[in-house]
Amino acid sequence: MLNQSLLPELKYEAASTRRMLERVPFDKWSWKPHEKSMSLGELATHVADLVNWSAFTLETTEINWAEFKYNPPRPSNSEELLAIHDKNTAASVRALEGATDEQLMAPWTMRAGDQVYFTLPRIATIRTYAFNHVVHHRGQLSVYLRLLGVPVPGMYGPTADEQG
């Protein structure tokens, strides 16, 4: 079944993401590297929340940004940030564990009203818009941590901070 190829990737990436989120200094929550950038807190929360996109994709047939009312969570400490990530990871793992090949191959659409951004099989949406999206923002988060002098954990091997 197709879900069996996604589950190990989701679990591995979620564990790597959690290690990154564990390092986010809450006392620097509003820090930004540039005026156009998200704050550290906004980015960290986005990363923690994005893990849920796999479950969301499996539970819906589309997202219409013209109608969707997104209220991002607002953690007040590091423990709450990690709890958001853990809850979303568990939801996505459960959703993928129960996903059939038919569900994964069914089309899923992202739109804003009449403007369609894409329609892809759910499996492609999960891989690109969920998994790759998290990895993209996690990479940004690693740069934020580096600029703040926070040791960066390894994702695919040790970082310069973890070398002996």
C-alpha atoms as a PDB file:
ATOM      1  CA  MET A   1       0.000   0.000   0.000  1.00  0.00           C
ATOM      2  CA  LEU A   2       1.146   3.497  -0.824  1.00  0.00           C
ATOM      3  CA  ASN A   3       0.755   4.764   2.732  1.00  0.00           C
ATOM      4  CA  GLN A   4       3.564   2.433   3.812  1.00  0.00           C
ATOM      5  CA  SER A   5       6.042   4.454   1.751  1.00  0.00           C
ATOM      6  CA  LEU A   6       4.956   7.726   3.399  1.00  0.00           C
ATOM      7  CA  LEU A   7       4.777   6.689   7.049  1.00  0.00           C
ATOM      8  CA  PRO A   8       8.517   6.136   7.697  1.00  0.00           C
ATOM      9  CA  GLU A   9       9.297   9.455   6.016  1.00  0.00           C
ATOM     10  CA  LEU A  10       6.686  11.306   8.063  1.00  0.00           C
ATOM     11  CA  LYS A  11       7.918   9.777  11.324  1.00  0.00           C
ATOM     12  CA  TYR A  12      11.590  10.437  10.546  1.00  0.00           C
ATOM     13  CA  GLU A  13      11.023  14.035   9.483  1.00  0.00           C
ATOM     14  CA  ALA A  14       8.697  14.707  12.422  1.00  0.00           C
ATOM     15  CA  ALA A  15      11.348  13.475  14.872  1.00  0.00           C
ATOM     16  CA  SER A  16      13.933  15.720  13.181  1.00  0.00           C
ATOM     17  CA  THR A  17      11.533  18.656  13.289  1.00  0.00           C
ATOM     18  CA  ARG A  18      10.880  18.088  16.984  1.00  0.00           C
ATOM     19  CA  ARG A  19      14.628  18.209  17.705  1.00  0.00           C
ATOM     20  CA  MET A  20      14.745  21.590  15.952  1.00  0.00           C
ATOM     21  CA  LEU A  21      11.703  22.903  17.822  1.00  0.00           C
ATOM     22  CA  GLU A  22      13.210  21.817  21.157  1.00  0.00           C
ATOM     23  CA  ARG A  23      16.004  24.346  20.570  1.00  0.00           C
ATOM     24  CA  VAL A  24      13.788  27.373  19.869  1.00  0.00           C
ATOM     25  CA  PRO A  25      14.554  29.991  22.542  1.00  0.00           C
ATOM     26  CA  PHE A  26      11.210  31.293  23.748  1.00  0.00           C
ATOM     27  CA  ASP A  27      12.836  34.492  25.042  1.00  0.00           C
ATOM     28  CA  LYS A  28      13.634  35.386  21.393  1.00  0.00           C
ATOM     29  CA  TRP A  29      10.065  34.676  20.181  1.00  0.00           C
ATOM     30  CA  SER A  30       9.611  38.033  18.412  1.00  0.00           C
ATOM     31  CA  TRP A  31      13.105  38.154  16.821  1.00  0.00           C
ATOM     32  CA  LYS A  32      13.263  38.512  13.011  1.00  0.00           C
ATOM     33  CA  PRO A  33      16.344  38.311  10.762  1.00  0.00           C
ATOM     34  CA  HIS A  34      14.717  40.766   8.328  1.00  0.00           C
ATOM     35  CA  GLU A  35      11.701  43.059   8.356  1.00  0.00           C
ATOM     36  CA  LYS A  36       9.923  40.891   5.745  1.00  0.00           C
ATOM     37  CA  SER A  37      10.594  37.668   7.655  1.00  0.00           C
ATOM     38  CA  MET A  38       8.298  35.884  10.056  1.00  0.00           C
ATOM     39  CA  SER A  39       9.316  36.201  13.679  1.00  0.00           C
ATOM     40  CA  LEU A  40      11.045  33.229  15.273  1.00  0.00           C
ATOM     41  CA  GLY A  41       7.833  32.413  17.130  1.00  0.00           C
ATOM     42  CA  GLU A  42       5.658  32.653  14.032  1.00  0.00           C
ATOM     43  CA  LEU A  43       8.032  30.440  12.068  1.00  0.00           C
ATOM     44  CA  ALA A  44       8.407  27.877  14.852  1.00  0.00           C
ATOM     45  CA  THR A  45       4.634  27.717  15.297  1.00  0.00           C
ATOM     46  CA  HIS A  46       4.151  27.357  11.537  1.00  0.00           C
ATOM     47  CA  VAL A  47       6.620  24.466  11.477  1.00  0.00           C
ATOM     48  CA  ALA A  48       4.881  22.776  14.427  1.00  0.00           C
ATOM     49  CA  ASP A  49       1.466  23.265  12.845  1.00  0.00           C
ATOM     50  CA  LEU A  50       2.398  22.216   9.294  1.00  0.00           C
ATOM     51  CA  VAL A  51       2.863  18.613  10.362  1.00  0.00           C
ATOM     52  CA  ASN A  52      -0.947  18.457  10.377  1.00  0.00           C
ATOM     53  CA  TRP A  53      -1.199  19.063   6.617  1.00  0.00           C
ATOM     54  CA  SER A  54      -0.963  15.348   5.884  1.00  0.00           C
ATOM     55  CA  ALA A  55      -4.061  14.666   7.987  1.00  0.00           C
ATOM     56  CA  PHE A  56      -5.807  17.744   6.596  1.00  0.00           C
ATOM     57  CA  THR A  57      -5.133  16.634   3.024  1.00  0.00           C
ATOM     58  CA  LEU A  58      -6.526  13.161   3.693  1.00  0.00           C
ATOM     59  CA  GLU A  59      -9.629  14.550   5.401  1.00  0.00           C
ATOM     60  CA  THR A  60     -10.530  17.057   2.657  1.00  0.00           C
ATOM     61  CA  THR A  61     -10.691  17.311  -1.123  1.00  0.00           C
ATOM     62  CA  GLU A  62      -9.457  20.892  -1.346  1.00  0.00           C
ATOM     63  CA  ILE A  63      -8.571  24.084   0.405  1.00  0.00           C
ATOM     64  CA  ASN A  64     -10.106  27.337  -0.732  1.00  0.00           C
ATOM     65  CA  TRP A  65      -8.077  30.191   0.723  1.00  0.00           C
ATOM     66  CA  ALA A  66     -10.916  32.604  -0.091  1.00  0.00           C
ATOM     67  CA  GLU A  67     -13.049  30.795   2.500  1.00  0.00           C
ATOM     68  CA  PHE A  68     -10.606  29.040   4.814  1.00  0.00           C
ATOM     69  CA  LYS A  69     -10.176  30.816   8.137  1.00  0.00           C
ATOM     70  CA  TYR A  70      -6.785  29.845   9.503  1.00  0.00           C
ATOM     71  CA  ASN A  71      -6.206  30.593  13.159  1.00  0.00           C
ATOM     72  CA  PRO A  72      -2.686  29.479  13.960  1.00  0.00           C
ATOM     73  CA  PRO A  73      -2.110  28.220  17.471  1.00  0.00           C
ATOM     74  CA  ARG A  74      -0.436  30.624  19.869  1.00  0.00           C
ATOM     75  CA  PRO A  75       1.829  28.726  22.236  1.00  0.00           C
ATOM     76  CA  SER A  76       2.852  30.592  25.343  1.00  0.00           C
ATOM     77  CA  ASN A  77       5.928  28.475  26.081  1.00  0.00           C
ATOM     78  CA  SER A  78       8.202  25.831  24.615  1.00  0.00           C
ATOM     79  CA  GLU A  79       6.208  22.962  26.096  1.00  0.00           C
ATOM     80  CA  GLU A  80       3.050  24.167  24.333  1.00  0.00           C
ATOM     81  CA  LEU A  81       4.972  24.521  21.050  1.00  0.00           C
ATOM     82  CA  LEU A  82       6.155  20.909  21.312  1.00  0.00           C
ATOM     83  CA  ALA A  83       2.652  19.764  22.289  1.00  0.00           C
ATOM     84  CA  ILE A  84       1.273  21.327  19.081  1.00  0.00           C
ATOM     85  CA  HIS A  85       3.864  19.455  17.040  1.00  0.00           C
ATOM     86  CA  ASP A  86       3.280  16.170  18.868  1.00  0.00           C
ATOM     87  CA  LYS A  87      -0.516  16.398  18.524  1.00  0.00           C
ATOM     88  CA  ASN A  88      -0.255  17.201  14.812  1.00  0.00           C
ATOM     89  CA  THR A  89       2.273  14.448  14.199  1.00  0.00           C
ATOM     90  CA  ALA A  90       0.023  11.898  15.902  1.00  0.00           C
ATOM     91  CA  ALA A  91      -2.979  13.046  13.837  1.00  0.00           C
ATOM     92  CA  SER A  92      -1.059  12.767  10.578  1.00  0.00           C
ATOM     93  CA  VAL A  93       0.377   9.366  11.461  1.00  0.00           C
ATOM     94  CA  ARG A  94      -3.128   8.083  12.288  1.00  0.00           C
ATOM     95  CA  ALA A  95      -4.547   9.533   9.071  1.00  0.00           C
ATOM     96  CA  LEU A  96      -1.790   7.983   6.960  1.00  0.00           C
ATOM     97  CA  GLU A  97      -2.041   4.628   8.716  1.00  0.00           C
ATOM     98  CA  GLY A  98      -5.688   4.460   7.680  1.00  0.00           C
ATOM     99  CA  ALA A  99      -5.243   5.838   4.175  1.00  0.00           C
ATOM    100  CA  THR A 100      -6.091   3.599   1.250  1.00  0.00           C
ATOM    101  CA  ASP A 101      -4.418   3.707  -2.140  1.00  0.00           C
ATOM    102  CA  GLU A 102      -7.678   5.058  -3.562  1.00  0.00           C
ATOM    103  CA  GLN A 103      -7.645   7.962  -1.072  1.00  0.00           C
ATOM    104  CA  LEU A 104      -4.001   8.706  -1.787  1.00  0.00           C
ATOM    105  CA  MET A 105      -4.540   8.745  -5.547  1.00  0.00           C
ATOM    106  CA  ALA A 106      -7.712  10.889  -5.401  1.00  0.00           C
ATOM    107  CA  PRO A 107      -7.303  14.502  -6.580  1.00  0.00           C
ATOM    108  CA  TRP A 108      -6.818  17.335  -4.107  1.00  0.00           C
ATOM    109  CA  THR A 109      -7.040  21.004  -5.049  1.00  0.00           C
ATOM    110  CA  MET A 110      -5.639  24.250  -3.676  1.00  0.00           C
ATOM    111  CA  ARG A 111      -7.528  27.339  -4.780  1.00  0.00           C
ATOM    112  CA  ALA A 112      -8.464  30.889  -3.908  1.00  0.00           C
ATOM    113  CA  GLY A 113     -12.006  31.242  -5.178  1.00  0.00           C
ATOM    114  CA  ASP A 114     -11.983  30.539  -8.908  1.00  0.00           C
ATOM    115  CA  GLN A 115      -8.179  30.646  -9.145  1.00  0.00           C
ATOM    116  CA  VAL A 116      -6.842  27.098  -8.961  1.00  0.00           C
ATOM    117  CA  TYR A 117      -3.219  26.897  -7.848  1.00  0.00           C
ATOM    118  CA  PHE A 118      -2.962  23.160  -8.375  1.00  0.00           C
ATOM    119  CA  THR A 119      -4.803  19.864  -8.447  1.00  0.00           C
ATOM    120  CA  LEU A 120      -2.658  16.852  -7.651  1.00  0.00           C
ATOM    121  CA  PRO A 121      -3.200  13.351  -6.322  1.00  0.00           C
ATOM    122  CA  ARG A 122      -3.305  13.486  -2.529  1.00  0.00           C
ATOM    123  CA  ILE A 123      -0.075  11.499  -2.327  1.00  0.00           C
ATOM    124  CA  ALA A 124       1.725  14.210  -4.332  1.00  0.00           C
ATOM    125  CA  THR A 125       0.118  16.946  -2.234  1.00  0.00           C
ATOM    126  CA  ILE A 126       1.268  15.223   0.954  1.00  0.00           C
ATOM    127  CA  ARG A 127       4.799  14.760  -0.336  1.00  0.00           C
ATOM    128  CA  THR A 128       5.158  18.305  -1.670  1.00  0.00           C
ATOM    129  CA  TYR A 129       2.844  20.610   0.218  1.00  0.00           C
ATOM    130  CA  ALA A 130       3.048  18.784   3.545  1.00  0.00           C
ATOM    131  CA  PHE A 131       6.434  17.045   3.838  1.00  0.00           C
ATOM    132  CA  ASN A 132       8.567  19.316   1.658  1.00  0.00           C
ATOM    133  CA  HIS A 133       6.856  22.409   3.028  1.00  0.00           C
ATOM    134  CA  VAL A 134       7.865  21.444   6.575  1.00  0.00           C
ATOM    135  CA  VAL A 135      11.434  20.727   5.472  1.00  0.00           C
ATOM    136  CA  HIS A 136      11.612  24.110   3.716  1.00  0.00           C
ATOM    137  CA  HIS A 137      10.499  26.063   6.786  1.00  0.00           C
ATOM    138  CA  ARG A 138      12.580  23.868   9.090  1.00  0.00           C
ATOM    139  CA  GLY A 139      15.595  24.920   7.013  1.00  0.00           C
ATOM    140  CA  GLN A 140      14.655  28.549   7.578  1.00  0.00           C
ATOM    141  CA  LEU A 141      14.313  27.822  11.277  1.00  0.00           C
ATOM    142  CA  SER A 142      17.818  26.331  11.344  1.00  0.00           C
ATOM    143  CA  VAL A 143      19.178  29.585   9.914  1.00  0.00           C
ATOM    144  CA  TYR A 144      17.314  31.586  12.552  1.00  0.00           C
ATOM    145  CA  LEU A 145      18.829  29.395  15.262  1.00  0.00           C
ATOM    146  CA  ARG A 146      22.305  29.741  13.768  1.00  0.00           C
ATOM    147  CA  LEU A 147      21.978  33.542  13.650  1.00  0.00           C
ATOM    148  CA  LEU A 148      20.883  33.545  17.295  1.00  0.00           C
ATOM    149  CA  GLY A 149      23.857  31.407  18.321  1.00  0.00           C
ATOM    150  CA  VAL A 150      21.719  28.395  19.200  1.00  0.00           C
ATOM    151  CA  PRO A 151      23.384  25.035  18.431  1.00  0.00           C
ATOM    152  CA  VAL A 152      21.631  23.499  15.415  1.00  0.00           C
ATOM    153  CA  PRO A 153      20.723  19.810  15.660  1.00  0.00           C
ATOM    154  CA  GLY A 154      21.450  17.468  12.783  1.00  0.00           C
ATOM    155  CA  MET A 155      18.662  16.368  10.505  1.00  0.00           C
ATOM    156  CA  TYR A 156      20.507  14.071   8.099  1.00  0.00           C
ATOM    157  CA  GLY A 157      23.744  13.696   9.981  1.00  0.00           C
ATOM    158  CA  PRO A 158      25.678  15.810  12.481  1.00  0.00           C
ATOM    159  CA  THR A 159      25.968  19.576  12.159  1.00  0.00           C
ATOM    160  CA  ALA A 160      29.040  21.675  12.894  1.00  0.00           C
ATOM    161  CA  ASP A 161      27.598  22.097  16.393  1.00  0.00           C
ATOM    162  CA  GLU A 162      27.536  18.344  16.995  1.00  0.00           C
ATOM    163  CA  GLN A 163      30.992  17.456  15.694  1.00  0.00           C
ATOM    164  CA  GLY A 164      33.519  16.569  18.384  1.00  0.00           C
END
